[in-house]
């Protein structure tokens, strides 16, 4: 049950979010429209532009818009008149999905965000240019690849793992799901360095991994990995499992913040909706994490020493027990 105090906290945190992001908007009107849009995304309304405009008290959604990458097929990019009608910039040419991924990764590297690993499905993992770009930037990766993926010096990845002995398959969890740990049989193999890329003194190890279903052993998925020397297999498996968390985050953003409920005719409108929906979802995620942390702190009592103390071979009740050194997070402020 949500009480008035909880609502007050949420409003205060939302105002703090607006203060932290307001400098992105030079004029007052766009800044106010951004706030209205975010409140609409967090409110109990359908999340397309018209409903959000009505919720915010605007006559139309035309001005109720405030980044991400939108994949545009060649049927669009080759039709410049169509692109101009949708306000797609003239410099926006056709780019494959891996090309868009490379652009987003490079932006992330240039930002203050802590980024060390990249994981993705086979549509991206099979693209060697993307893998090479990640290697050149020093990022580790665990990328899914199709079973026909060629492994240097070994041939197809599925043929490689078909030769793995039974002992090579180990039961490991790649993270928790809705029904508990996601447990599979995993096999991991260190791959010979590629001297032209890795040099004589490589700092990273190349890997091939396979994930086999326990209940349906014929279902096997494959990955290529690139990790700092000394990285244990358990860590690679956990990175591979992050793909589920990413997919769940997208689904939550769709369900809770209308990430996919845009109804726009222009490129800038799509970009603004996606950006603000992601911001709204980030706000919800942070508030939920804070609430969970505070709830845990409130329900776990602070550890206190027993008043029973032993003196001279007998037990006595201490009048002033020493202060606890095992302070819970709720008392560590």
Protein backbone atom coordinates (compact mmCIF):
# COMPACT_ATOMS: atom_id res chain seq x y z
CA UNK A 1 0.00 0.00 0.00
CA UNK A 2 1.33 3.45 -0.95
CA UNK A 3 0.94 6.13 1.73
CA UNK A 4 1.24 9.90 1.49
CA UNK A 5 4.87 9.78 2.62
CA UNK A 6 5.79 7.41 -0.21
CA UNK A 7 4.10 9.70 -2.74
CA UNK A 8 5.97 12.67 -1.31
CA UNK A 9 9.30 10.82 -1.63
CA UNK A 10 8.55 9.90 -5.24
CA UNK A 11 7.64 13.47 -6.11
CA UNK A 12 10.83 14.76 -4.48
CA UNK A 13 12.97 12.23 -6.36
CA UNK A 14 11.21 13.05 -9.62
CA UNK A 15 11.85 16.74 -9.10
CA UNK A 16 15.52 15.91 -8.46
CA UNK A 17 15.58 13.98 -11.75
CA UNK A 18 14.18 17.00 -13.58
CA UNK A 19 16.80 19.27 -12.01
CA UNK A 20 19.59 16.92 -13.13
CA UNK A 21 18.33 16.71 -16.72
CA UNK A 22 16.85 20.17 -17.20
CA UNK A 23 20.10 21.68 -18.47
CA UNK A 24 19.66 19.56 -21.62
CA UNK A 25 16.85 21.92 -22.66
CA UNK A 26 17.84 25.49 -23.35
CA UNK A 27 14.36 27.02 -23.18
CA UNK A 28 11.70 26.81 -20.48
CA UNK A 29 8.87 25.50 -22.70
CA UNK A 30 10.68 22.35 -23.93
CA UNK A 31 11.80 21.72 -20.37
CA UNK A 32 8.22 21.86 -19.12
CA UNK A 33 6.99 19.63 -21.93
CA UNK A 34 9.69 17.10 -21.05
CA UNK A 35 8.44 17.05 -17.45
CA UNK A 36 4.85 16.58 -18.61
CA UNK A 37 5.88 13.75 -20.92
CA UNK A 38 7.81 11.93 -18.18
CA UNK A 39 4.90 12.25 -15.73
CA UNK A 40 2.59 10.91 -18.42
CA UNK A 41 4.86 7.93 -19.08
CA UNK A 42 4.83 7.17 -15.35
CA UNK A 43 1.07 7.68 -15.09
CA UNK A 44 -1.81 5.25 -15.61
CA UNK A 45 -2.46 6.12 -19.26
CA UNK A 46 -1.73 4.47 -22.59
CA UNK A 47 1.65 5.75 -23.65
CA UNK A 48 1.17 6.99 -27.21
CA UNK A 49 1.46 10.67 -28.08
CA UNK A 50 -2.24 11.57 -28.13
CA UNK A 51 -3.05 10.05 -24.73
CA UNK A 52 0.07 11.63 -23.25
CA UNK A 53 -0.93 15.01 -24.65
CA UNK A 54 -4.41 14.71 -23.13
CA UNK A 55 -2.94 13.62 -19.79
CA UNK A 56 -0.66 16.67 -19.77
CA UNK A 57 -3.39 19.07 -20.84
CA UNK A 58 -2.15 19.75 -24.37
CA UNK A 59 -4.49 19.93 -27.38
CA UNK A 60 -2.25 17.82 -29.65
CA UNK A 61 0.98 15.86 -29.19
CA UNK A 62 2.80 17.87 -31.85
CA UNK A 63 4.84 19.89 -29.37
CA UNK A 64 4.93 17.33 -26.57
CA UNK A 65 8.20 15.73 -27.65
CA UNK A 66 11.75 16.31 -26.44
CA UNK A 67 18.50 9.49 -28.24
CA UNK A 68 18.82 5.69 -29.37
CA UNK A 69 19.46 4.37 -32.81
CA UNK A 70 16.69 3.60 -35.26
CA UNK A 71 17.36 0.95 -37.88
CA UNK A 72 16.31 2.25 -41.29
CA UNK A 73 16.17 -0.28 -44.15
CA UNK A 74 17.48 0.62 -47.58
CA UNK A 75 13.92 1.11 -48.82
CA UNK A 76 13.92 4.19 -46.59
CA UNK A 77 17.46 5.51 -46.92
CA UNK A 78 17.37 5.20 -50.73
CA UNK A 79 14.22 7.34 -50.86
CA UNK A 80 15.44 10.76 -49.83
CA UNK A 81 12.09 12.46 -50.39
CA UNK A 82 10.47 10.03 -47.99
CA UNK A 83 13.26 10.64 -45.48
CA UNK A 84 12.88 14.41 -45.70
CA UNK A 85 9.13 14.12 -45.15
CA UNK A 86 9.87 12.21 -41.94
CA UNK A 87 12.56 14.76 -40.96
CA UNK A 88 15.32 12.17 -41.17
CA UNK A 89 18.64 14.03 -41.49
CA UNK A 90 20.14 14.03 -44.99
CA UNK A 91 23.42 12.69 -43.63
CA UNK A 92 21.70 9.61 -42.24
CA UNK A 93 22.71 6.82 -44.65
CA UNK A 94 21.98 3.11 -44.49
CA UNK A 95 23.69 1.35 -41.59
CA UNK A 96 23.48 -2.29 -40.57
CA UNK A 97 22.42 -3.18 -37.04
CA UNK A 98 26.02 -4.12 -36.09
CA UNK A 99 27.13 -0.70 -37.41
CA UNK A 100 24.55 0.97 -35.17
CA UNK A 101 25.77 -1.16 -32.25
CA UNK A 102 29.35 -0.04 -32.88
CA UNK A 103 28.27 3.60 -32.79
CA UNK A 104 26.44 3.11 -29.47
CA UNK A 105 29.37 1.24 -27.91
CA UNK A 106 31.79 3.99 -28.94
CA UNK A 107 29.49 6.60 -27.40
CA UNK A 108 29.35 4.60 -24.19
CA UNK A 109 33.15 4.33 -24.08
CA UNK A 110 33.46 8.10 -24.55
CA UNK A 111 31.01 8.72 -21.69
CA UNK A 112 31.69 8.54 -17.93
CA UNK A 113 29.81 5.20 -17.77
CA UNK A 114 31.80 2.24 -16.42
CA UNK A 115 31.81 -0.25 -19.29
CA UNK A 116 33.93 -3.42 -19.38
CA UNK A 117 31.84 -6.06 -21.18
CA UNK A 118 29.57 -6.37 -24.20
CA UNK A 119 27.10 -9.17 -24.84
CA UNK A 120 24.65 -9.60 -27.70
CA UNK A 121 22.78 -12.16 -29.75
CA UNK A 122 24.04 -13.91 -32.89
CA UNK A 123 22.91 -11.17 -35.25
CA UNK A 124 25.70 -9.06 -33.77
CA UNK A 125 28.13 -11.75 -32.65
CA UNK A 126 28.61 -13.13 -36.16
CA UNK A 127 29.84 -9.75 -37.41
CA UNK A 128 33.64 -9.92 -37.23
CA UNK A 129 34.05 -6.15 -37.65
CA UNK A 130 32.08 -5.56 -34.47
CA UNK A 131 34.14 -8.15 -32.59
CA UNK A 132 37.37 -6.61 -33.86
CA UNK A 133 36.29 -3.12 -32.85
CA UNK A 134 35.59 -4.34 -29.31
CA UNK A 135 39.00 -6.01 -29.18
CA UNK A 136 40.75 -2.84 -30.33
CA UNK A 137 39.05 -0.83 -27.58
CA UNK A 138 40.05 -3.40 -24.95
CA UNK A 139 36.50 -4.39 -24.05
CA UNK A 140 35.69 -7.94 -23.10
CA UNK A 141 32.79 -9.66 -24.81
CA UNK A 142 30.68 -12.80 -24.83
CA UNK A 143 28.71 -12.79 -28.08
CA UNK A 144 26.32 -15.42 -29.32
CA UNK A 145 27.14 -16.85 -32.76
CA UNK A 146 25.35 -19.25 -35.13
CA UNK A 147 26.33 -22.91 -35.14
CA UNK A 148 28.02 -22.40 -38.52
CA UNK A 149 30.41 -19.80 -37.07
CA UNK A 150 34.02 -20.48 -38.07
CA UNK A 151 36.55 -20.67 -35.22
CA UNK A 152 40.16 -19.89 -36.26
CA UNK A 153 42.23 -23.08 -36.58
CA UNK A 154 39.25 -25.29 -35.63
CA UNK A 155 36.46 -24.90 -38.22
CA UNK A 156 32.75 -24.72 -37.38
CA UNK A 157 31.92 -24.09 -33.76
CA UNK A 158 29.27 -26.83 -33.60
CA UNK A 159 31.71 -29.41 -34.98
CA UNK A 160 34.26 -28.27 -32.42
CA UNK A 161 31.95 -28.90 -29.46
CA UNK A 162 30.58 -32.15 -30.88
CA UNK A 163 34.03 -33.56 -30.03
CA UNK A 164 33.95 -32.36 -26.41
CA UNK A 165 34.20 -35.18 -23.84
CA UNK A 166 31.42 -35.58 -21.27
CA UNK A 167 33.68 -34.19 -18.55
CA UNK A 168 33.97 -30.88 -20.43
CA UNK A 169 30.28 -30.14 -19.84
CA UNK A 170 29.80 -28.59 -16.42
CA UNK A 171 26.59 -27.58 -14.70
CA UNK A 172 26.63 -23.81 -14.18
CA UNK A 173 24.16 -21.03 -13.49
CA UNK A 174 24.28 -17.97 -15.73
CA UNK A 175 22.08 -15.89 -13.45
CA UNK A 176 18.71 -15.88 -11.76
CA UNK A 177 15.43 -15.88 -13.64
CA UNK A 178 11.80 -15.63 -12.59
CA UNK A 179 11.84 -19.31 -11.55
CA UNK A 180 15.27 -19.35 -9.93
CA UNK A 181 18.80 -19.91 -11.25
CA UNK A 182 19.16 -20.46 -15.00
CA UNK A 183 21.19 -23.66 -14.98
CA UNK A 184 22.69 -25.26 -18.09
CA UNK A 185 25.54 -27.50 -19.03
CA UNK A 186 28.41 -25.31 -20.23
CA UNK A 187 31.60 -26.18 -22.07
CA UNK A 188 34.37 -23.61 -22.52
CA UNK A 189 37.50 -23.86 -24.62
CA UNK A 190 40.45 -21.47 -24.79
CA UNK A 191 41.27 -20.56 -28.38
CA UNK A 192 44.73 -20.02 -29.79
CA UNK A 193 45.60 -16.29 -30.03
CA UNK A 194 45.57 -14.66 -33.45
CA UNK A 195 49.08 -13.24 -33.68
CA UNK A 196 48.20 -10.54 -36.23
CA UNK A 197 45.61 -9.17 -33.78
CA UNK A 198 46.80 -10.27 -30.35
CA UNK A 199 50.56 -9.78 -30.75
CA UNK A 200 53.31 -11.82 -29.13
CA UNK A 201 52.28 -10.85 -25.58
CA UNK A 202 48.44 -10.95 -25.56
CA UNK A 203 46.60 -9.30 -22.70
CA UNK A 204 43.33 -11.10 -23.45
CA UNK A 205 42.29 -14.70 -23.96
CA UNK A 206 39.97 -15.86 -26.75
CA UNK A 207 37.24 -18.35 -25.88
CA UNK A 208 34.58 -20.52 -27.49
CA UNK A 209 31.63 -21.46 -25.28
CA UNK A 210 28.62 -23.74 -25.66
CA UNK A 211 25.43 -23.77 -23.57
CA UNK A 212 23.42 -27.00 -23.58
CA UNK A 213 19.94 -27.46 -22.19
CA UNK A 214 19.78 -30.00 -19.38
CA UNK A 215 16.27 -31.20 -20.21
CA UNK A 216 16.74 -30.99 -23.99
CA UNK A 217 20.44 -31.75 -24.66
CA UNK A 218 19.95 -31.40 -28.40
CA UNK A 219 19.41 -27.65 -27.86
CA UNK A 220 22.87 -26.06 -27.87
CA UNK A 221 23.78 -22.38 -28.25
CA UNK A 222 27.28 -21.07 -28.99
CA UNK A 223 29.31 -17.99 -28.07
CA UNK A 224 32.68 -16.45 -28.79
CA UNK A 225 34.45 -14.72 -25.92
CA UNK A 226 37.29 -12.27 -25.43
CA UNK A 227 38.40 -11.65 -21.87
CA UNK A 228 41.34 -10.33 -19.85
CA UNK A 229 43.87 -13.02 -18.97
CA UNK A 230 42.87 -14.86 -15.81
CA UNK A 231 39.12 -14.38 -16.23
CA UNK A 232 37.40 -17.51 -14.86
CA UNK A 233 34.81 -19.41 -16.89
CA UNK A 234 32.20 -18.61 -14.25
CA UNK A 235 32.52 -14.92 -15.08
CA UNK A 236 32.13 -15.53 -18.82
CA UNK A 237 29.00 -17.55 -18.13
CA UNK A 238 27.55 -14.74 -16.01
CA UNK A 239 28.26 -12.20 -18.75
CA UNK A 240 26.52 -14.45 -21.28
CA UNK A 241 23.51 -14.63 -18.95
CA UNK A 242 23.19 -10.86 -18.83
CA UNK A 243 21.40 -11.03 -22.17
CA UNK A 244 18.28 -12.21 -20.35
CA UNK A 245 18.47 -9.29 -17.94
CA UNK A 246 18.74 -6.90 -20.89
CA UNK A 247 15.72 -8.46 -22.60
CA UNK A 248 13.75 -8.31 -19.35
CA UNK A 249 14.65 -4.64 -18.97
CA UNK A 250 13.35 -3.92 -22.45
CA UNK A 251 10.11 -5.77 -21.70
CA UNK A 252 9.67 -3.89 -18.42
CA UNK A 253 10.24 -0.57 -20.21
CA UNK A 254 7.56 -1.54 -22.73
CA UNK A 255 5.07 -2.62 -20.08
CA UNK A 256 5.65 0.15 -17.55
CA UNK A 257 6.78 3.15 -19.61
CA UNK A 258 5.41 2.59 -23.11
CA UNK A 259 8.77 2.16 -24.80
CA UNK A 260 7.10 0.64 -27.87
CA UNK A 261 3.84 2.62 -27.75
CA UNK A 262 4.95 5.58 -29.81
CA UNK A 263 2.70 6.83 -32.60
CA UNK A 264 4.89 9.28 -34.44
CA UNK A 265 5.40 10.37 -38.03
CA UNK A 266 8.79 11.98 -37.69
CA UNK A 267 12.26 10.73 -36.83
CA UNK A 268 12.80 13.33 -34.11
CA UNK A 269 9.53 12.36 -32.42
CA UNK A 270 10.63 8.72 -32.27
CA UNK A 271 14.01 9.67 -30.83
CA UNK A 272 12.45 11.86 -28.17
CA UNK A 273 9.85 9.29 -27.12
CA UNK A 274 12.41 6.48 -26.83
CA UNK A 275 14.82 8.69 -24.88
CA UNK A 276 12.22 9.83 -22.36
CA UNK A 277 10.72 6.35 -22.00
CA UNK A 278 14.19 5.03 -21.17
CA UNK A 279 14.68 7.87 -18.68
CA UNK A 280 11.33 7.09 -17.04
CA UNK A 281 12.25 3.40 -16.79
CA UNK A 282 15.66 4.27 -15.29
CA UNK A 283 13.85 6.36 -12.66
CA UNK A 284 11.53 3.45 -11.80
CA UNK A 285 14.46 1.02 -11.61
CA UNK A 286 16.41 3.27 -9.22
CA UNK A 287 13.36 3.90 -7.02
CA UNK A 288 12.58 0.17 -6.87
CA UNK A 289 16.19 -0.66 -5.97
CA UNK A 290 16.24 2.02 -3.25
CA UNK A 291 12.93 0.76 -1.82
CA UNK A 292 14.21 -2.82 -1.77
CA UNK A 293 17.42 -1.76 -0.04
CA UNK A 294 15.56 0.26 2.58
CA UNK A 295 13.09 -2.57 3.14
CA UNK A 296 15.90 -5.03 3.71
CA UNK A 297 17.59 -2.67 6.14
CA UNK A 298 14.35 -2.20 8.09
CA UNK A 299 13.57 -5.90 8.36
CA UNK A 300 17.08 -7.06 9.34
CA UNK A 301 17.75 -6.02 12.94
CA UNK A 302 21.12 -4.61 13.83
CA UNK A 303 23.50 -7.16 15.26
CA UNK A 304 24.04 -6.50 18.97
CA UNK A 305 26.35 -8.32 21.38
CA UNK A 306 24.71 -10.49 23.99
CA UNK A 307 24.34 -8.89 27.44
CA UNK A 308 25.57 -12.21 28.83
CA UNK A 309 29.26 -11.78 29.66
CA UNK A 310 31.64 -14.20 31.34
CA UNK A 311 33.68 -12.91 34.28
CA UNK A 312 35.93 -15.05 36.45
CA UNK A 313 34.43 -18.33 35.35
CA UNK A 314 30.78 -17.28 35.78
CA UNK A 315 28.22 -15.60 33.53
CA UNK A 316 26.86 -12.16 34.36
CA UNK A 317 24.52 -9.68 32.71
CA UNK A 318 26.46 -6.68 31.48
CA UNK A 319 24.84 -3.40 32.51
CA UNK A 320 26.41 -1.49 29.61
CA UNK A 321 27.09 -3.87 26.70
CA UNK A 322 29.76 -2.64 24.30
CA UNK A 323 28.52 -1.01 21.07
CA UNK A 324 28.10 -3.26 18.08
CA UNK A 325 30.83 -3.22 15.45
CA UNK A 326 28.59 -5.01 12.94
CA UNK A 327 26.52 -2.01 11.96
CA UNK A 328 23.73 -2.59 9.49
CA UNK A 329 23.44 -0.33 6.41
CA UNK A 330 20.49 1.47 7.97
CA UNK A 331 22.74 2.68 10.80
CA UNK A 332 25.86 3.39 8.77
CA UNK A 333 24.89 6.84 7.62
